[in-house]
């Protein structure tokens, strides 16, 4: 064996030993999970429950840092530009890590290139609801009403421009080939209030926000936007069952690290997340609120992000959607 060959093989052996050593050495200081929204929302709560579990299992403090702004893109940009050492993480969502790529022409980060996906944590469909005075009792009836509306398209309320609810309504309009008028609000509460009052015709809404009003009869649910029926709304069909095959739109939340974070660190992070979500005290409260709680592998999550970026880009392009 030549000296060069021995040197090369020795280097490979040292590198192989360094991989598990790197995972064992991490973390070397407190970890921060950046939440790109104010405290109190579901993303913030999920991050805090995850941080508590990881603090106990890693023996190192895990902190939550709220960095709201620009629809979640301020916090996402901060993490994208952080050192790729596993000590700064992002609780990313559909908006910041998929939709923003199409809506913000000067977005300072690339949601695919600049992040290393760790795991999807939770996901949730939306539900199409109408005021009970509406004659539409199913999606076919809703589409018929939209076609009959002529020059006064049916309205749908959302928590704001650029949200997943906004773009889901646009995607529905394109799939059903009916015009709809988007009515953005500053949050879900007023949108729901005006829907119940009959000031808007319909809404693509969070299951959690709308469920009590569906149960009370204040609004009527027509379909959920996921591939499968929602466990809290077992009698409400999916869009595909209701006549729009292939229609799927879900909001999701997941953990990201900066791009180029070492693979052993990502593997350890994923193991921590999967273990945390397996705990009933973390899983059950979110499931009770309408979330589908399930960890994904980093590869599965990376594929989802790429598919979501492409899907929403086409919706934005076809609908000429802007934030103005």
Protein backbone atom coordinates (compact mmCIF):
# COMPACT_ATOMS: atom_id res chain seq x y z
CA UNK A 1 0.00 0.00 0.00
CA UNK A 2 1.42 3.37 -0.98
CA UNK A 3 1.95 6.21 1.45
CA UNK A 4 -0.68 8.28 -0.43
CA UNK A 5 -3.25 5.49 -0.20
CA UNK A 6 -2.60 5.05 3.52
CA UNK A 7 -2.96 8.79 4.03
CA UNK A 8 -6.23 8.87 2.08
CA UNK A 9 -7.71 5.93 3.94
CA UNK A 10 -6.63 7.45 7.20
CA UNK A 11 -8.39 10.67 6.33
CA UNK A 12 -11.60 8.82 5.50
CA UNK A 13 -11.46 6.96 8.79
CA UNK A 14 -10.97 10.18 10.74
CA UNK A 15 -13.89 11.81 8.91
CA UNK A 16 -16.11 8.84 9.71
CA UNK A 17 -15.22 9.15 13.38
CA UNK A 18 -15.84 12.89 13.28
CA UNK A 19 -19.47 12.52 12.11
CA UNK A 20 -20.89 10.91 15.26
CA UNK A 21 -18.52 13.02 17.37
CA UNK A 22 -20.03 16.16 15.87
CA UNK A 23 -23.55 15.04 16.72
CA UNK A 24 -22.47 14.16 20.25
CA UNK A 25 -20.76 17.53 20.75
CA UNK A 26 -23.83 19.49 19.66
CA UNK A 27 -25.23 21.58 21.28
CA UNK A 28 -22.38 23.50 22.83
CA UNK A 29 -24.45 26.52 23.91
CA UNK A 30 -28.13 27.54 24.22
CA UNK A 31 -30.32 26.98 21.16
CA UNK A 32 -32.84 29.54 19.99
CA UNK A 33 -35.98 28.74 18.01
CA UNK A 34 -37.05 31.83 16.11
CA UNK A 35 -40.81 32.29 15.77
CA UNK A 36 -41.52 34.82 13.01
CA UNK A 37 -44.77 35.97 14.66
CA UNK A 38 -45.80 37.65 17.93
CA UNK A 39 -46.24 35.56 21.10
CA UNK A 40 -49.52 33.78 21.73
CA UNK A 41 -50.35 32.14 18.42
CA UNK A 42 -50.26 28.45 17.59
CA UNK A 43 -46.78 28.70 16.04
CA UNK A 44 -45.42 30.34 19.18
CA UNK A 45 -47.12 27.82 21.49
CA UNK A 46 -45.84 24.87 19.50
CA UNK A 47 -42.30 26.25 19.57
CA UNK A 48 -42.45 26.73 23.33
CA UNK A 49 -43.68 23.21 23.98
CA UNK A 50 -40.95 21.86 21.72
CA UNK A 51 -38.34 24.02 23.46
CA UNK A 52 -39.36 22.69 26.88
CA UNK A 53 -39.01 19.10 25.73
CA UNK A 54 -35.68 19.69 23.97
CA UNK A 55 -34.25 21.53 26.99
CA UNK A 56 -34.95 18.49 29.14
CA UNK A 57 -33.64 15.93 26.66
CA UNK A 58 -30.56 17.81 25.42
CA UNK A 59 -29.40 19.17 28.76
CA UNK A 60 -28.98 22.57 27.12
CA UNK A 61 -31.33 25.54 27.27
CA UNK A 62 -33.61 25.98 24.26
CA UNK A 63 -35.13 29.44 24.02
CA UNK A 64 -37.93 30.86 21.87
CA UNK A 65 -37.28 34.23 20.26
CA UNK A 66 -40.15 36.08 18.60
CA UNK A 67 -39.13 38.06 15.50
CA UNK A 68 -42.39 39.16 13.86
CA UNK A 69 -42.69 41.24 10.72
CA UNK A 70 -43.50 41.18 7.01
CA UNK A 71 -45.73 38.11 7.15
CA UNK A 72 -43.11 35.98 8.87
CA UNK A 73 -40.31 36.81 6.45
CA UNK A 74 -38.32 38.98 8.89
CA UNK A 75 -37.66 36.11 11.26
CA UNK A 76 -37.11 33.65 8.43
CA UNK A 77 -34.49 35.92 6.87
CA UNK A 78 -32.66 36.20 10.18
CA UNK A 79 -32.37 32.41 10.48
CA UNK A 80 -31.38 32.02 6.83
CA UNK A 81 -28.40 34.29 7.50
CA UNK A 82 -27.42 32.65 10.81
CA UNK A 83 -24.45 30.36 11.34
CA UNK A 84 -25.28 26.81 10.16
CA UNK A 85 -24.31 25.13 13.41
CA UNK A 86 -27.69 23.97 14.74
CA UNK A 87 -27.95 26.65 17.42
CA UNK A 88 -30.42 28.92 15.56
CA UNK A 89 -33.60 27.35 14.19
CA UNK A 90 -36.81 28.57 12.57
CA UNK A 91 -40.43 27.66 13.16
CA UNK A 92 -41.36 28.14 9.54
CA UNK A 93 -44.88 28.12 8.13
CA UNK A 94 -46.53 27.86 4.73
CA UNK A 95 -46.45 31.63 4.31
CA UNK A 96 -42.82 32.30 5.18
CA UNK A 97 -41.36 29.16 3.57
CA UNK A 98 -43.54 28.61 0.50
CA UNK A 99 -46.00 31.38 -0.42
CA UNK A 100 -43.63 34.31 0.19
CA UNK A 101 -41.37 33.19 -2.63
CA UNK A 102 -44.04 34.21 -5.13
CA UNK A 103 -45.57 37.24 -3.43
CA UNK A 104 -42.43 39.16 -2.47
CA UNK A 105 -40.34 39.97 -5.57
CA UNK A 106 -37.44 41.16 -3.39
CA UNK A 107 -37.57 38.37 -0.81
CA UNK A 108 -34.09 38.37 0.79
CA UNK A 109 -33.88 34.58 1.06
CA UNK A 110 -34.71 31.52 -1.01
CA UNK A 111 -37.00 29.13 0.93
CA UNK A 112 -35.50 26.09 -0.80
CA UNK A 113 -31.82 27.03 -1.14
CA UNK A 114 -31.30 28.82 2.19
CA UNK A 115 -32.79 26.33 4.66
CA UNK A 116 -32.22 22.75 5.75
CA UNK A 117 -35.64 21.24 6.59
CA UNK A 118 -35.66 19.24 9.83
CA UNK A 119 -39.27 18.07 10.13
CA UNK A 120 -42.81 19.11 9.51
CA UNK A 121 -44.54 19.28 12.88
CA UNK A 122 -48.22 19.96 12.33
CA UNK A 123 -50.54 20.61 9.42
CA UNK A 124 -54.16 21.59 9.04
CA UNK A 125 -56.61 21.99 6.19
CA UNK A 126 -58.93 24.92 5.71
CA UNK A 127 -62.68 24.59 5.54
CA UNK A 128 -64.99 26.37 3.09
CA UNK A 129 -67.90 27.79 5.06
CA UNK A 130 -70.89 29.92 4.11
CA UNK A 131 -73.50 31.87 5.99
CA UNK A 132 -76.44 29.54 6.73
CA UNK A 133 -78.76 31.84 4.75
CA UNK A 134 -76.89 30.82 1.62
CA UNK A 135 -78.77 28.37 -0.62
CA UNK A 136 -75.48 26.51 -1.19
CA UNK A 137 -75.56 23.27 0.75
CA UNK A 138 -72.53 21.73 -0.92
CA UNK A 139 -69.64 22.71 -3.19
CA UNK A 140 -71.68 22.10 -6.34
CA UNK A 141 -74.31 24.50 -5.02
CA UNK A 142 -71.63 27.05 -4.16
CA UNK A 143 -70.19 26.87 -7.68
CA UNK A 144 -73.67 27.21 -9.16
CA UNK A 145 -74.32 30.28 -7.02
CA UNK A 146 -70.99 31.77 -8.10
CA UNK A 147 -71.85 31.25 -11.76
CA UNK A 148 -75.29 32.76 -11.26
CA UNK A 149 -73.85 35.83 -9.54
CA UNK A 150 -72.77 37.33 -12.84
CA UNK A 151 -71.14 40.73 -12.42
CA UNK A 152 -71.35 40.55 -8.61
CA UNK A 153 -68.99 37.66 -7.72
CA UNK A 154 -69.44 35.89 -4.41
CA UNK A 155 -67.23 37.23 -1.65
CA UNK A 156 -64.89 35.26 0.58
CA UNK A 157 -63.33 36.62 3.76
CA UNK A 158 -59.78 35.90 4.94
CA UNK A 159 -57.43 37.15 7.67
CA UNK A 160 -55.48 39.18 5.10
CA UNK A 161 -53.75 39.51 1.76
CA UNK A 162 -51.15 36.86 1.01
CA UNK A 163 -52.36 34.39 3.63
CA UNK A 164 -52.91 30.73 2.83
CA UNK A 165 -56.66 31.44 3.08
CA UNK A 166 -56.39 34.13 0.42
CA UNK A 167 -54.47 31.93 -2.00
CA UNK A 168 -56.65 28.90 -1.31
CA UNK A 169 -59.65 30.96 -2.36
CA UNK A 170 -57.77 31.96 -5.51
CA UNK A 171 -56.88 28.32 -6.18
CA UNK A 172 -60.53 27.35 -5.75
CA UNK A 173 -61.59 30.08 -8.16
CA UNK A 174 -59.15 28.75 -10.75
CA UNK A 175 -60.07 25.10 -10.23
CA UNK A 176 -63.84 25.68 -10.31
CA UNK A 177 -63.56 28.33 -13.04
CA UNK A 178 -65.74 30.81 -11.20
CA UNK A 179 -64.93 34.40 -10.20
CA UNK A 180 -64.76 35.22 -6.51
CA UNK A 181 -64.08 38.50 -4.73
CA UNK A 182 -61.49 38.42 -1.97
CA UNK A 183 -62.30 40.48 1.15
CA UNK A 184 -59.20 40.74 3.37
CA UNK A 185 -59.46 41.52 7.08
CA UNK A 186 -56.91 42.21 9.79
CA UNK A 187 -57.17 38.79 11.38
CA UNK A 188 -59.66 35.94 11.61
CA UNK A 189 -61.94 37.30 14.33
CA UNK A 190 -63.58 40.11 12.34
CA UNK A 191 -63.71 37.99 9.19
CA UNK A 192 -65.67 35.34 11.08
CA UNK A 193 -67.93 37.94 12.72
CA UNK A 194 -68.87 39.45 9.36
CA UNK A 195 -69.46 36.01 7.83
CA UNK A 196 -71.89 35.13 10.62
CA UNK A 197 -73.58 38.51 10.18
CA UNK A 198 -74.01 37.85 6.46
CA UNK A 199 -71.81 40.75 5.36
CA UNK A 200 -69.65 38.34 3.34
CA UNK A 201 -70.85 35.22 1.58
CA UNK A 202 -68.18 32.70 2.48
CA UNK A 203 -64.75 32.08 3.94
CA UNK A 204 -61.81 29.72 3.58
CA UNK A 205 -61.07 29.44 7.27
CA UNK A 206 -59.04 27.61 9.90
CA UNK A 207 -60.82 24.58 11.31
CA UNK A 208 -59.86 25.65 14.84
CA UNK A 209 -61.31 29.15 14.44
CA UNK A 210 -64.50 28.00 12.72
CA UNK A 211 -65.34 24.72 14.44
CA UNK A 212 -67.47 26.20 17.28
CA UNK A 213 -69.52 28.17 14.75
CA UNK A 214 -70.01 25.10 12.57
CA UNK A 215 -71.17 23.13 15.58
CA UNK A 216 -73.57 25.89 16.66
CA UNK A 217 -75.01 26.31 13.17
CA UNK A 218 -73.80 29.89 12.82
CA UNK A 219 -72.00 28.89 9.61
CA UNK A 220 -72.35 25.94 7.26
CA UNK A 221 -69.32 23.83 6.29
CA UNK A 222 -69.17 22.69 2.67
CA UNK A 223 -65.77 21.00 2.30
CA UNK A 224 -62.29 20.71 3.77
CA UNK A 225 -59.22 21.34 1.64
CA UNK A 226 -57.18 18.27 2.62
CA UNK A 227 -56.89 14.93 0.83
CA UNK A 228 -58.68 13.17 3.67
CA UNK A 229 -61.59 14.17 5.85
CA UNK A 230 -60.74 15.98 9.03
CA UNK A 231 -61.18 13.98 12.25
CA UNK A 232 -63.06 16.85 13.88
CA UNK A 233 -65.38 17.22 10.86
CA UNK A 234 -65.98 13.62 9.79
CA UNK A 235 -69.24 14.44 7.98
CA UNK A 236 -67.72 17.22 5.87
CA UNK A 237 -66.38 16.00 2.50
CA UNK A 238 -63.04 16.86 0.99
CA UNK A 239 -62.89 19.13 -2.06
CA UNK A 240 -62.00 16.07 -4.15
CA UNK A 241 -65.06 14.22 -2.89
CA UNK A 242 -67.13 17.32 -3.59
CA UNK A 243 -66.16 17.42 -7.26
CA UNK A 244 -62.73 19.05 -7.52
CA UNK A 245 -60.30 16.13 -7.96
CA UNK A 246 -56.72 16.78 -6.91
CA UNK A 247 -57.60 19.89 -4.92
CA UNK A 248 -55.46 20.13 -1.80
CA UNK A 249 -54.40 23.09 0.31
CA UNK A 250 -53.09 22.77 3.84
CA UNK A 251 -51.24 25.07 6.15
CA UNK A 252 -48.24 23.59 7.93
CA UNK A 253 -45.61 24.45 10.51
CA UNK A 254 -42.17 22.92 10.66
CA UNK A 255 -38.66 23.25 11.99
CA UNK A 256 -35.83 24.53 9.77
CA UNK A 257 -32.11 25.07 10.24
CA UNK A 258 -29.93 27.28 8.04
CA UNK A 259 -28.63 25.64 4.87
CA UNK A 260 -25.34 23.73 5.23
CA UNK A 261 -26.04 22.69 8.81
CA UNK A 262 -24.06 19.44 9.25
CA UNK A 263 -26.03 16.28 8.53
CA UNK A 264 -25.32 14.69 11.96
CA UNK A 265 -26.78 17.75 13.68
CA UNK A 266 -29.86 17.66 11.45
CA UNK A 267 -30.28 13.96 12.23
CA UNK A 268 -30.09 14.64 15.97
CA UNK A 269 -32.56 17.51 15.66
CA UNK A 270 -34.97 15.31 13.76
CA UNK A 271 -34.75 12.59 16.40
CA UNK A 272 -35.49 15.16 19.11
CA UNK A 273 -38.52 16.49 17.22
CA UNK A 274 -39.93 13.03 16.52
CA UNK A 275 -39.55 12.06 20.17
CA UNK A 276 -41.23 15.27 21.30
CA UNK A 277 -44.24 14.85 19.00
CA UNK A 278 -44.69 11.28 20.25
CA UNK A 279 -45.39 12.60 23.75
CA UNK A 280 -49.15 12.81 24.50
CA UNK A 281 -48.70 16.03 26.48
CA UNK A 282 -47.40 17.72 23.33
CA UNK A 283 -49.36 15.86 20.66
CA UNK A 284 -52.84 15.69 22.17
CA UNK A 285 -53.54 19.41 22.85
CA UNK A 286 -52.69 20.32 19.25
CA UNK A 287 -54.68 17.41 17.85
CA UNK A 288 -57.66 18.56 19.92
CA UNK A 289 -57.37 21.96 18.21
CA UNK A 290 -57.67 20.46 14.75
CA UNK A 291 -54.01 20.00 13.83
CA UNK A 292 -52.66 16.84 12.26
CA UNK A 293 -49.57 16.16 14.38
CA UNK A 294 -46.90 14.06 12.69
CA UNK A 295 -43.15 14.30 12.20
CA UNK A 296 -41.69 13.87 8.72
CA UNK A 297 -38.17 13.00 7.70
CA UNK A 298 -35.94 15.86 6.52
CA UNK A 299 -36.12 14.48 2.97
CA UNK A 300 -39.92 14.29 3.05
CA UNK A 301 -40.14 17.83 4.38
CA UNK A 302 -37.72 19.13 1.73
CA UNK A 303 -39.86 17.55 -0.99
CA UNK A 304 -43.00 19.13 0.49
CA UNK A 305 -41.42 22.59 0.55
CA UNK A 306 -40.31 22.34 -3.08
CA UNK A 307 -43.77 21.17 -4.14
CA UNK A 308 -45.49 23.90 -2.14
CA UNK A 309 -43.29 26.66 -3.55
CA UNK A 310 -44.07 25.47 -7.09
CA UNK A 311 -47.80 25.08 -6.42
CA UNK A 312 -48.33 28.52 -4.91
CA UNK A 313 -46.13 30.15 -7.53
CA UNK A 314 -48.47 28.83 -10.23
CA UNK A 315 -51.56 30.00 -8.30
CA UNK A 316 -50.08 33.48 -7.94
CA UNK A 317 -49.04 33.59 -11.59
CA UNK A 318 -52.36 32.32 -12.97
CA UNK A 319 -54.36 34.69 -10.79
CA UNK A 320 -52.02 37.65 -11.16
CA UNK A 321 -52.13 37.92 -7.37
CA UNK A 322 -50.36 40.87 -5.72
CA UNK A 323 -50.29 42.26 -2.20
CA UNK A 324 -51.67 45.63 -3.30
